[in-house]
Amino acid sequence: MDSLIYSLAVVTSLSLLSLSGLFFISLRDEVMHRLLFYLVSFACGAILGAAYFDLIPESAELLGLEKAIIYIVLGFVSFYFLERSLYWFHGHGHLHGDGQIEVNGPDERLGVKSFTYLNLVGDGVHNLIDGMVIGASFLISISAGFVAALAVAFHELPQEMGDFAILLYGGLEKAKALTLNFITALTAVIGVLAVHFLFSSGHLLGLLVGFAGGGFTYISAAELIPELQKEASLAKSGVQFLIFISALLFIRGLMGITL
């Protein structure tokens, strides 16, 4: 029961990240990009660390290495398919500090309003999966749950900013955009409840955390590392790498792993 309480408390707190767009839209462009510079660098290491120091080892322990690898690969491939599908039907948004909104996606093909509501559906599915990952991790241990929650938080913050940008771009007022974004964030609660009441057996738990480990690997390797590679400055690239390594070591420390 403690794991359920922790899980619900964490995902409810993380849902508040959906309100971050209101804060970031008030920042100057220079300040926001400086924050994102550090945030994406840390997120990359935190998510990869959660996959390799937490989720993947736990899956191997619960299922055995051979079976775990199947679900890890399945998770990687599924997140690749999901990301490509949501990019086509859901799109990506970027919120600039000067109030300008840039949206990449099929808005001309679907119409802005359709694009906006498809974004909400896609975001709800994404948050549902995040809730299942956090819930499964807390069933394994409290420390594993907090590591997974931390990785999700650092991945979610830039995404929530983009989702808020899409809703504004679609013509919604700020108050309605924040409300709808918050409601979709709460689907993570459904994910937690599903795990605790439907997927709590050892085999299903191992399947889920292995799947999530593969998905986290995809997010770090295919989405975040390419963003870091766009940096042309050698000095800034060095800072990014140090932050990335620091995040890996931080996650390793949380899991109590020693070299």
Protein backbone atom coordinates (compact mmCIF):
# COMPACT_ATOMS: atom_id res chain seq x y z
CA MET A 1 0.00 0.00 0.00
CA ASP A 2 2.94 2.36 0.69
CA SER A 3 4.11 1.95 -2.90
CA LEU A 4 0.66 3.00 -4.17
CA ILE A 5 0.61 6.08 -1.92
CA TYR A 6 4.10 7.09 -3.02
CA SER A 7 3.22 6.51 -6.68
CA LEU A 8 0.04 8.58 -6.55
CA ALA A 9 1.75 11.39 -4.65
CA VAL A 10 4.62 11.52 -7.16
CA VAL A 11 2.53 11.44 -10.35
CA THR A 12 0.16 14.06 -8.96
CA SER A 13 3.14 16.29 -8.21
CA LEU A 14 4.60 15.65 -11.66
CA SER A 15 1.27 16.61 -13.21
CA LEU A 16 1.95 20.14 -11.98
CA LEU A 17 4.72 20.31 -14.60
CA SER A 18 1.91 20.76 -17.11
CA LEU A 19 1.52 24.28 -15.69
CA SER A 20 5.15 25.14 -16.45
CA GLY A 21 4.30 26.70 -19.79
CA LEU A 22 2.82 29.75 -18.04
CA PHE A 23 6.12 30.33 -16.25
CA PHE A 24 8.33 29.83 -19.29
CA ILE A 25 6.28 32.06 -21.56
CA SER A 26 7.17 34.96 -19.26
CA LEU A 27 10.94 34.39 -19.60
CA ARG A 28 13.20 36.16 -22.01
CA ASP A 29 14.36 33.98 -24.90
CA GLU A 30 17.98 34.07 -23.74
CA VAL A 31 17.11 32.95 -20.20
CA MET A 32 14.83 30.13 -21.34
CA HIS A 33 17.38 28.70 -23.75
CA ARG A 34 20.04 28.81 -21.05
CA LEU A 35 17.77 26.81 -18.75
CA LEU A 36 16.98 24.31 -21.49
CA PHE A 37 20.70 23.93 -22.21
CA TYR A 38 21.27 22.54 -18.70
CA LEU A 39 17.93 20.76 -18.45
CA VAL A 40 18.26 18.69 -21.64
CA SER A 41 21.86 17.76 -20.78
CA PHE A 42 20.84 16.49 -17.34
CA ALA A 43 17.68 14.81 -18.65
CA CYS A 44 19.71 12.84 -21.17
CA GLY A 45 21.94 11.32 -18.47
CA ALA A 46 19.12 10.86 -15.95
CA ILE A 47 16.92 8.93 -18.37
CA LEU A 48 19.77 6.74 -19.62
CA GLY A 49 20.85 6.11 -16.03
CA ALA A 50 17.32 5.15 -14.99
CA ALA A 51 17.20 2.65 -17.87
CA TYR A 52 20.58 0.98 -17.27
CA PHE A 53 20.96 1.28 -13.50
CA ASP A 54 17.34 0.62 -12.56
CA LEU A 55 14.76 -0.65 -15.06
CA ILE A 56 16.81 -3.02 -17.22
CA PRO A 57 18.58 -4.78 -14.28
CA GLU A 58 15.25 -5.20 -12.47
CA SER A 59 13.65 -6.70 -15.57
CA ALA A 60 16.55 -9.14 -15.97
CA GLU A 61 16.21 -10.15 -12.32
CA LEU A 62 12.46 -10.72 -12.58
CA LEU A 63 12.37 -12.47 -15.96
CA GLY A 64 15.88 -13.72 -16.64
CA LEU A 65 18.21 -12.00 -19.09
CA GLU A 66 17.01 -13.75 -22.27
CA LYS A 67 13.34 -12.88 -21.77
CA ALA A 68 14.13 -9.41 -20.48
CA ILE A 69 16.09 -8.53 -23.63
CA ILE A 70 13.01 -9.30 -25.74
CA TYR A 71 10.89 -6.78 -23.85
CA ILE A 72 13.71 -4.21 -23.74
CA VAL A 73 14.02 -4.33 -27.52
CA LEU A 74 10.23 -4.28 -27.85
CA GLY A 75 10.13 -1.15 -25.71
CA PHE A 76 12.79 0.55 -27.81
CA VAL A 77 10.98 -0.27 -31.07
CA SER A 78 7.57 0.67 -29.66
CA PHE A 79 8.76 4.07 -28.46
CA TYR A 80 10.31 4.66 -31.87
CA PHE A 81 6.98 3.83 -33.53
CA LEU A 82 5.02 5.90 -30.99
CA GLU A 83 7.30 8.92 -31.37
CA ARG A 84 7.09 8.85 -35.16
CA SER A 85 3.32 8.35 -35.08
CA LEU A 86 2.75 11.16 -32.60
CA TYR A 87 5.02 13.47 -34.57
CA TRP A 88 2.86 12.90 -37.64
CA PHE A 89 -0.53 13.11 -35.93
CA HIS A 90 0.44 15.14 -32.86
CA GLY A 91 3.41 17.32 -33.76
CA HIS A 92 5.98 19.16 -31.70
CA GLY A 93 5.75 22.64 -30.25
CA HIS A 94 8.38 25.08 -29.05
CA LEU A 95 7.64 27.97 -26.74
CA HIS A 96 10.04 30.91 -27.05
CA GLY A 97 10.67 33.37 -24.26
CA ASP A 98 9.59 36.33 -26.36
CA GLY A 99 6.08 34.87 -26.60
CA GLN A 100 6.54 33.51 -30.10
CA ILE A 101 5.23 29.97 -30.72
CA GLU A 102 6.76 27.61 -33.23
CA VAL A 103 4.91 24.40 -34.12
CA ASN A 104 6.27 21.57 -36.24
CA GLY A 105 3.60 19.14 -37.39
CA PRO A 106 0.75 18.48 -39.81
CA ASP A 107 -1.41 21.50 -38.88
CA GLU A 108 -1.97 22.41 -42.54
CA ARG A 109 -3.10 18.91 -43.35
CA LEU A 110 -5.44 18.46 -40.37
CA GLY A 111 -6.45 21.99 -39.57
CA VAL A 112 -5.26 23.80 -36.47
CA LYS A 113 -8.12 22.77 -34.17
CA SER A 114 -7.89 19.09 -35.08
CA PHE A 115 -4.15 19.27 -34.58
CA THR A 116 -4.63 20.79 -31.13
CA TYR A 117 -6.98 18.10 -29.86
CA LEU A 118 -4.90 15.28 -31.36
CA ASN A 119 -2.03 16.72 -29.34
CA LEU A 120 -4.10 16.32 -26.17
CA VAL A 121 -4.87 12.68 -27.01
CA GLY A 122 -1.22 11.93 -27.74
CA ASP A 123 -0.08 13.65 -24.57
CA GLY A 124 -2.62 11.68 -22.53
CA VAL A 125 -1.30 8.37 -23.88
CA HIS A 126 2.28 9.43 -23.18
CA ASN A 127 1.46 10.39 -19.58
CA LEU A 128 -0.44 7.13 -19.08
CA ILE A 129 2.73 5.21 -19.97
CA ASP A 130 4.81 7.42 -17.67
CA GLY A 131 2.43 6.65 -14.81
CA MET A 132 2.74 2.91 -15.44
CA VAL A 133 6.54 3.16 -15.41
CA ILE A 134 6.57 5.08 -12.14
CA GLY A 135 4.01 2.76 -10.54
CA ALA A 136 5.95 -0.35 -11.57
CA SER A 137 9.21 1.12 -10.26
CA PHE A 138 7.69 1.86 -6.85
CA LEU A 139 6.45 -1.74 -6.67
CA ILE A 140 10.08 -2.82 -7.03
CA SER A 141 11.43 -0.42 -4.39
CA ILE A 142 10.99 3.11 -3.12
CA SER A 143 14.42 4.16 -4.44
CA ALA A 144 13.66 2.70 -7.89
CA GLY A 145 10.39 4.63 -7.94
CA PHE A 146 12.05 7.94 -7.19
CA VAL A 147 14.74 7.32 -9.81
CA ALA A 148 12.09 6.63 -12.45
CA ALA A 149 10.09 9.67 -11.33
CA LEU A 150 13.17 11.88 -11.59
CA ALA A 151 13.90 10.66 -15.11
CA VAL A 152 10.29 11.26 -16.17
CA ALA A 153 10.31 14.75 -14.63
CA PHE A 154 13.39 15.88 -16.55
CA HIS A 155 11.95 14.50 -19.76
CA GLU A 156 8.47 15.91 -19.19
CA LEU A 157 9.36 19.54 -18.49
CA PRO A 158 10.53 20.45 -22.03
CA GLN A 159 7.68 18.38 -23.50
CA GLU A 160 5.03 20.11 -21.39
CA MET A 161 6.35 23.47 -22.55
CA GLY A 162 5.96 22.33 -26.16
CA ASP A 163 2.48 20.94 -25.55
CA PHE A 164 1.39 24.23 -23.99
CA ALA A 165 2.76 26.02 -27.05
CA ILE A 166 0.66 23.81 -29.36
CA LEU A 167 -2.53 24.53 -27.42
CA LEU A 168 -1.94 28.28 -27.62
CA TYR A 169 -1.11 27.97 -31.29
CA GLY A 170 -4.41 26.15 -31.81
CA GLY A 171 -6.31 29.18 -30.58
CA LEU A 172 -7.04 28.22 -26.97
CA GLU A 173 -6.90 30.85 -24.25
CA LYS A 174 -4.16 30.46 -21.64
CA ALA A 175 -6.53 29.38 -18.86
CA LYS A 176 -8.19 26.69 -21.00
CA ALA A 177 -4.84 25.52 -22.37
CA LEU A 178 -3.42 25.11 -18.86
CA THR A 179 -6.56 23.30 -17.66
CA LEU A 180 -6.63 20.82 -20.54
CA ASN A 181 -2.89 20.23 -20.34
CA PHE A 182 -3.24 19.50 -16.61
CA ILE A 183 -6.13 17.08 -17.21
CA THR A 184 -4.09 15.08 -19.75
CA ALA A 185 -1.19 15.01 -17.27
CA LEU A 186 -3.48 13.32 -14.73
CA THR A 187 -3.81 10.25 -16.97
CA ALA A 188 -0.57 9.23 -15.25
CA VAL A 189 -2.72 8.49 -12.20
CA ILE A 190 -4.69 5.93 -14.27
CA GLY A 191 -1.37 4.36 -15.26
CA VAL A 192 -0.35 4.00 -11.62
CA LEU A 193 -3.69 2.41 -10.65
CA ALA A 194 -3.54 0.01 -13.61
CA VAL A 195 -0.10 -1.21 -12.58
CA HIS A 196 -0.96 -1.68 -8.92
CA PHE A 197 -4.22 -3.52 -9.51
CA LEU A 198 -3.65 -5.29 -12.85
CA PHE A 199 0.10 -5.68 -13.47
CA SER A 200 1.55 -6.33 -10.02
CA SER A 201 2.61 -9.96 -10.62
CA GLY A 202 6.33 -10.65 -11.02
CA HIS A 203 6.21 -11.58 -14.71
CA LEU A 204 4.02 -8.66 -15.78
CA LEU A 205 6.09 -6.29 -13.66
CA GLY A 206 9.29 -7.53 -15.30
CA LEU A 207 7.70 -7.12 -18.73
CA LEU A 208 6.67 -3.55 -17.98
CA VAL A 209 9.96 -2.34 -16.51
CA GLY A 210 11.92 -3.99 -19.34
CA PHE A 211 9.65 -2.32 -21.87
CA ALA A 212 10.14 1.00 -20.09
CA GLY A 213 13.92 0.47 -19.98
CA GLY A 214 13.96 0.07 -23.75
CA GLY A 215 11.74 3.12 -24.14
CA PHE A 216 13.94 5.26 -21.89
CA THR A 217 16.99 4.17 -23.89
CA TYR A 218 15.25 5.33 -27.07
CA ILE A 219 14.30 8.70 -25.56
CA SER A 220 17.86 9.39 -24.46
CA ALA A 221 19.67 8.05 -27.53
CA ALA A 222 17.27 9.09 -30.30
CA GLU A 223 15.62 12.26 -28.98
CA LEU A 224 17.93 13.96 -26.49
CA ILE A 225 21.49 13.11 -27.56
CA PRO A 226 20.81 14.42 -31.11
CA GLU A 227 19.74 17.71 -29.50
CA LEU A 228 23.08 17.89 -27.67
CA GLN A 229 24.95 17.14 -30.87
CA LYS A 230 23.57 20.29 -32.48
CA GLU A 231 25.82 22.39 -30.23
CA ALA A 232 28.70 23.73 -32.35
CA SER A 233 30.75 25.28 -29.53
CA LEU A 234 33.45 22.96 -28.18
CA ALA A 235 33.35 24.61 -24.77
CA LYS A 236 29.56 24.30 -24.45
CA SER A 237 29.70 20.72 -25.71
CA GLY A 238 32.18 19.98 -22.94
CA VAL A 239 29.82 21.46 -20.36
CA GLN A 240 26.96 19.39 -21.75
CA PHE A 241 29.04 16.23 -21.52
CA LEU A 242 30.01 16.95 -17.91
CA ILE A 243 26.36 17.54 -16.98
CA PHE A 244 25.41 14.31 -18.78
CA ILE A 245 28.03 12.32 -16.82
CA SER A 246 27.00 14.02 -13.57
CA ALA A 247 23.40 12.94 -14.14
CA LEU A 248 24.49 9.34 -14.75
CA LEU A 249 26.55 9.36 -11.54
CA PHE A 250 23.68 10.96 -9.63
CA ILE A 251 21.24 8.24 -10.68
CA ARG A 252 23.80 5.55 -9.93
CA GLY A 253 24.24 7.04 -6.46
CA LEU A 254 20.48 7.06 -5.84
CA MET A 255 20.38 3.35 -6.67
CA GLY A 256 23.25 2.67 -4.26
CA ILE A 257 25.42 1.13 -6.99
CA THR A 258 29.20 1.15 -6.51
CA LEU A 259 31.86 0.62 -9.14
